[in-house]
Structures are given as structure tokens and as C-alpha cells.
């Protein structure tokens, strides 16, 4: 599956098919850095659509942990929220929402959201 073809799958999943979103989700679905195979597509879609809330939270966290350091910083978290904003919220409103939610999720107030903090917030 090419990136162009893959981009057509995002909107029905509730993800805006921006170039950034296509790149992030494509690289998350493609586990061997080649092309998305049928097996990779089915495995990732199964997790994304039918996984437990914890599996879905983990999938989303890993997708948006852009530097793969095991934490989401404020910019990564903002990117995540922008990826799913298919509403009439303005960029400014999304940024304000990101700040508010980030502060709520950053339980230890260290300026990043760990996988556990993210899951805790998603599973409330």
C-alpha cells in the first residue's frame, strides 16, 4: 500500500489526511519500513479499531511520540490533537485545548506525558 493510497483510509478513521498525519500513521502501520503489506494493514487496523482501550491508547501514544523517547512533549501532544481535529475548532482553540489537557495529563508536572500518564488519562 503506497502512502497515497493509505491517505484515503485516514478520513473514515476520523483522522484528517494531512501530509503530517499520512506520514506519521503510515510509518506506524509499516513495521518493516518498506510498504504497508496486507498483514501490517490488518494488524494495525485491528488494534486501532477493535483493540482494548489500553491498546488503542498505546498505539496513539507511540504514533505521536515523534522522537521515540517514551514521552510526549507539548508539541507532540499538540500534533496529536491537530491530527484528530475534524471539527470547526480553530487552530487557536486546539492550541488552548492542548495546553489545558496537557496540564491535566502531566500528573508529575515534569513537562512531558509518559505512556502511563497518557493511558491513565485515556482510560478515565
C-alpha atoms as a PDB file:
ATOM      1  CA  UNK A   1       0.000   0.000   0.000  1.00  0.00           C
ATOM      2  CA  UNK A   2       1.525   3.309  -1.023  1.00  0.00           C
ATOM      3  CA  UNK A   3       1.349   6.483   1.071  1.00  0.00           C
ATOM      4  CA  UNK A   4      -1.038   7.997  -1.452  1.00  0.00           C
ATOM      5  CA  UNK A   5      -3.406   5.039  -1.216  1.00  0.00           C
ATOM      6  CA  UNK A   6      -3.028   4.943   2.553  1.00  0.00           C
ATOM      7  CA  UNK A   7      -4.054   8.589   2.850  1.00  0.00           C
ATOM      8  CA  UNK A   8      -7.515   7.667   1.593  1.00  0.00           C
ATOM      9  CA  UNK A   9      -8.032   5.401   4.621  1.00  0.00           C
ATOM     10  CA  UNK A  10      -7.463   8.092   7.255  1.00  0.00           C
ATOM     11  CA  UNK A  11     -10.582  10.213   6.906  1.00  0.00           C
ATOM     12  CA  UNK A  12     -13.005   7.317   7.536  1.00  0.00           C
ATOM     13  CA  UNK A  13     -10.932   6.555  10.656  1.00  0.00           C
ATOM     14  CA  UNK A  14     -11.588  10.070  11.970  1.00  0.00           C
ATOM     15  CA  UNK A  15      -8.088  11.317  11.132  1.00  0.00           C
ATOM     16  CA  UNK A  16      -7.591  14.331   8.929  1.00  0.00           C
ATOM     17  CA  UNK A  17      -5.457  13.202   5.948  1.00  0.00           C
ATOM     18  CA  UNK A  18      -2.838  15.945   6.163  1.00  0.00           C
ATOM     19  CA  UNK A  19       0.682  15.202   4.897  1.00  0.00           C
ATOM     20  CA  UNK A  20       1.927  15.032   8.511  1.00  0.00           C
ATOM     21  CA  UNK A  21      -0.815  12.598   9.540  1.00  0.00           C
ATOM     22  CA  UNK A  22      -0.270  10.411   6.486  1.00  0.00           C
ATOM     23  CA  UNK A  23       3.450  10.243   7.275  1.00  0.00           C
ATOM     24  CA  UNK A  24       3.003   9.520  10.991  1.00  0.00           C
ATOM     25  CA  UNK A  25       0.338   6.845  10.630  1.00  0.00           C
ATOM     26  CA  UNK A  26       1.974   5.296   7.573  1.00  0.00           C
ATOM     27  CA  UNK A  27       5.243   4.857   9.463  1.00  0.00           C
ATOM     28  CA  UNK A  28       3.318   3.412  12.437  1.00  0.00           C
ATOM     29  CA  UNK A  29       1.437   0.886  10.272  1.00  0.00           C
ATOM     30  CA  UNK A  30       4.545  -0.030   8.236  1.00  0.00           C
ATOM     31  CA  UNK A  31       6.617  -2.139  10.612  1.00  0.00           C
ATOM     32  CA  UNK A  32       9.385  -3.086   8.161  1.00  0.00           C
ATOM     33  CA  UNK A  33       9.991   0.356   6.575  1.00  0.00           C
ATOM     34  CA  UNK A  34       9.084  -0.802   3.110  1.00  0.00           C
ATOM     35  CA  UNK A  35       5.419  -0.626   2.142  1.00  0.00           C
ATOM     36  CA  UNK A  36       2.348  -1.443   4.146  1.00  0.00           C
ATOM     37  CA  UNK A  37       1.588  -5.081   3.488  1.00  0.00           C
ATOM     38  CA  UNK A  38      -1.858  -6.592   3.839  1.00  0.00           C
ATOM     39  CA  UNK A  39      -0.775  -8.211   7.117  1.00  0.00           C
ATOM     40  CA  UNK A  40       0.532  -4.901   8.516  1.00  0.00           C
ATOM     41  CA  UNK A  41      -2.661  -3.122   7.476  1.00  0.00           C
ATOM     42  CA  UNK A  42      -4.955  -5.697   9.076  1.00  0.00           C
ATOM     43  CA  UNK A  43      -2.885  -5.951  12.268  1.00  0.00           C
ATOM     44  CA  UNK A  44      -2.728  -2.176  12.749  1.00  0.00           C
ATOM     45  CA  UNK A  45      -6.367  -1.599  11.833  1.00  0.00           C
ATOM     46  CA  UNK A  46      -7.428  -4.350  14.216  1.00  0.00           C
ATOM     47  CA  UNK A  47      -5.567  -2.638  17.043  1.00  0.00           C
ATOM     48  CA  UNK A  48      -6.742   0.826  16.026  1.00  0.00           C
ATOM     49  CA  UNK A  49     -10.402  -0.122  15.574  1.00  0.00           C
ATOM     50  CA  UNK A  50     -11.002  -3.186  17.721  1.00  0.00           C
ATOM     51  CA  UNK A  51      -8.255  -3.073  20.324  1.00  0.00           C
ATOM     52  CA  UNK A  52      -8.830  -2.614  24.006  1.00  0.00           C
ATOM     53  CA  UNK A  53      -8.824   0.992  25.208  1.00  0.00           C
ATOM     54  CA  UNK A  54      -5.316   0.376  26.588  1.00  0.00           C
ATOM     55  CA  UNK A  55      -4.078  -0.985  23.226  1.00  0.00           C
ATOM     56  CA  UNK A  56      -5.566   1.969  21.372  1.00  0.00           C
ATOM     57  CA  UNK A  57      -4.014   4.436  23.813  1.00  0.00           C
ATOM     58  CA  UNK A  58      -0.636   2.725  23.417  1.00  0.00           C
ATOM     59  CA  UNK A  59      -0.960   2.783  19.615  1.00  0.00           C
ATOM     60  CA  UNK A  60      -1.777   6.508  19.583  1.00  0.00           C
ATOM     61  CA  UNK A  61       0.976   7.324  22.063  1.00  0.00           C
ATOM     62  CA  UNK A  62       3.615   5.514  20.004  1.00  0.00           C
ATOM     63  CA  UNK A  63       2.358   7.151  16.811  1.00  0.00           C
ATOM     64  CA  UNK A  64       2.831  10.642  18.198  1.00  0.00           C
ATOM     65  CA  UNK A  65       5.993  10.086  20.251  1.00  0.00           C
ATOM     66  CA  UNK A  66       7.879  11.622  17.333  1.00  0.00           C
ATOM     67  CA  UNK A  67      11.354  11.321  18.839  1.00  0.00           C
ATOM     68  CA  UNK A  68      10.668   7.855  20.282  1.00  0.00           C
ATOM     69  CA  UNK A  69      11.840   8.854  23.757  1.00  0.00           C
ATOM     70  CA  UNK A  70       8.852   7.333  25.568  1.00  0.00           C
ATOM     71  CA  UNK A  71       7.309  10.718  26.408  1.00  0.00           C
ATOM     72  CA  UNK A  72       5.092  13.258  24.683  1.00  0.00           C
ATOM     73  CA  UNK A  73       6.194  16.859  24.903  1.00  0.00           C
ATOM     74  CA  UNK A  74       3.779  19.730  24.361  1.00  0.00           C
ATOM     75  CA  UNK A  75       4.478  19.949  20.612  1.00  0.00           C
ATOM     76  CA  UNK A  76       3.947  16.219  20.079  1.00  0.00           C
ATOM     77  CA  UNK A  77       0.707  16.368  22.069  1.00  0.00           C
ATOM     78  CA  UNK A  78      -0.488  19.355  20.035  1.00  0.00           C
ATOM     79  CA  UNK A  79       0.274  17.414  16.830  1.00  0.00           C
ATOM     80  CA  UNK A  80      -1.827  14.527  18.126  1.00  0.00           C
ATOM     81  CA  UNK A  81      -4.812  16.782  18.829  1.00  0.00           C
ATOM     82  CA  UNK A  82      -4.477  18.518  15.462  1.00  0.00           C
ATOM     83  CA  UNK A  83      -4.496  15.124  13.759  1.00  0.00           C
ATOM     84  CA  UNK A  84      -7.969  14.322  15.021  1.00  0.00           C
ATOM     85  CA  UNK A  85      -9.454  17.828  14.773  1.00  0.00           C
ATOM     86  CA  UNK A  86     -12.040  17.465  12.037  1.00  0.00           C
ATOM     87  CA  UNK A  87     -14.369  19.892  13.727  1.00  0.00           C
ATOM     88  CA  UNK A  88     -14.836  23.600  13.496  1.00  0.00           C
ATOM     89  CA  UNK A  89     -12.254  24.315  16.201  1.00  0.00           C
ATOM     90  CA  UNK A  90      -9.802  26.976  15.158  1.00  0.00           C
ATOM     91  CA  UNK A  91      -6.062  26.426  15.473  1.00  0.00           C
ATOM     92  CA  UNK A  92      -6.041  28.771  18.441  1.00  0.00           C
ATOM     93  CA  UNK A  93      -8.813  26.778  20.151  1.00  0.00           C
ATOM     94  CA  UNK A  94      -6.963  23.500  19.537  1.00  0.00           C
ATOM     95  CA  UNK A  95      -3.773  25.006  20.982  1.00  0.00           C
ATOM     96  CA  UNK A  96      -5.630  26.172  24.101  1.00  0.00           C
ATOM     97  CA  UNK A  97      -7.291  22.783  24.482  1.00  0.00           C
ATOM     98  CA  UNK A  98      -3.887  21.108  24.104  1.00  0.00           C
ATOM     99  CA  UNK A  99      -2.410  23.260  26.888  1.00  0.00           C
ATOM    100  CA  UNK A 100      -5.295  22.510  29.226  1.00  0.00           C
ATOM    101  CA  UNK A 101      -5.340  18.767  28.550  1.00  0.00           C
ATOM    102  CA  UNK A 102      -1.551  18.548  28.692  1.00  0.00           C
ATOM    103  CA  UNK A 103      -1.538  20.131  32.150  1.00  0.00           C
ATOM    104  CA  UNK A 104      -4.199  17.648  33.300  1.00  0.00           C
ATOM    105  CA  UNK A 105      -2.362  14.620  31.900  1.00  0.00           C
ATOM    106  CA  UNK A 106       1.111  15.631  33.120  1.00  0.00           C
ATOM    107  CA  UNK A 107       0.469  14.229  36.590  1.00  0.00           C
ATOM    108  CA  UNK A 108       4.048  14.571  37.849  1.00  0.00           C
ATOM    109  CA  UNK A 109       4.316  18.050  36.256  1.00  0.00           C
ATOM    110  CA  UNK A 110       7.686  17.362  34.635  1.00  0.00           C
ATOM    111  CA  UNK A 111       6.733  18.946  31.302  1.00  0.00           C
ATOM    112  CA  UNK A 112       6.143  15.660  29.463  1.00  0.00           C
ATOM    113  CA  UNK A 113       3.459  12.981  29.362  1.00  0.00           C
ATOM    114  CA  UNK A 114       4.624   9.425  29.917  1.00  0.00           C
ATOM    115  CA  UNK A 115       2.906   6.400  28.416  1.00  0.00           C
ATOM    116  CA  UNK A 116       1.376   5.654  31.827  1.00  0.00           C
ATOM    117  CA  UNK A 117       0.087   9.216  32.257  1.00  0.00           C
ATOM    118  CA  UNK A 118      -1.365   9.110  28.743  1.00  0.00           C
ATOM    119  CA  UNK A 119      -3.070   5.777  29.312  1.00  0.00           C
ATOM    120  CA  UNK A 120      -4.373   6.926  32.679  1.00  0.00           C
ATOM    121  CA  UNK A 121      -5.971   9.968  31.064  1.00  0.00           C
ATOM    122  CA  UNK A 122      -7.382   7.993  28.145  1.00  0.00           C
ATOM    123  CA  UNK A 123      -8.869   5.317  30.344  1.00  0.00           C
ATOM    124  CA  UNK A 124     -10.665   7.613  32.805  1.00  0.00           C
END
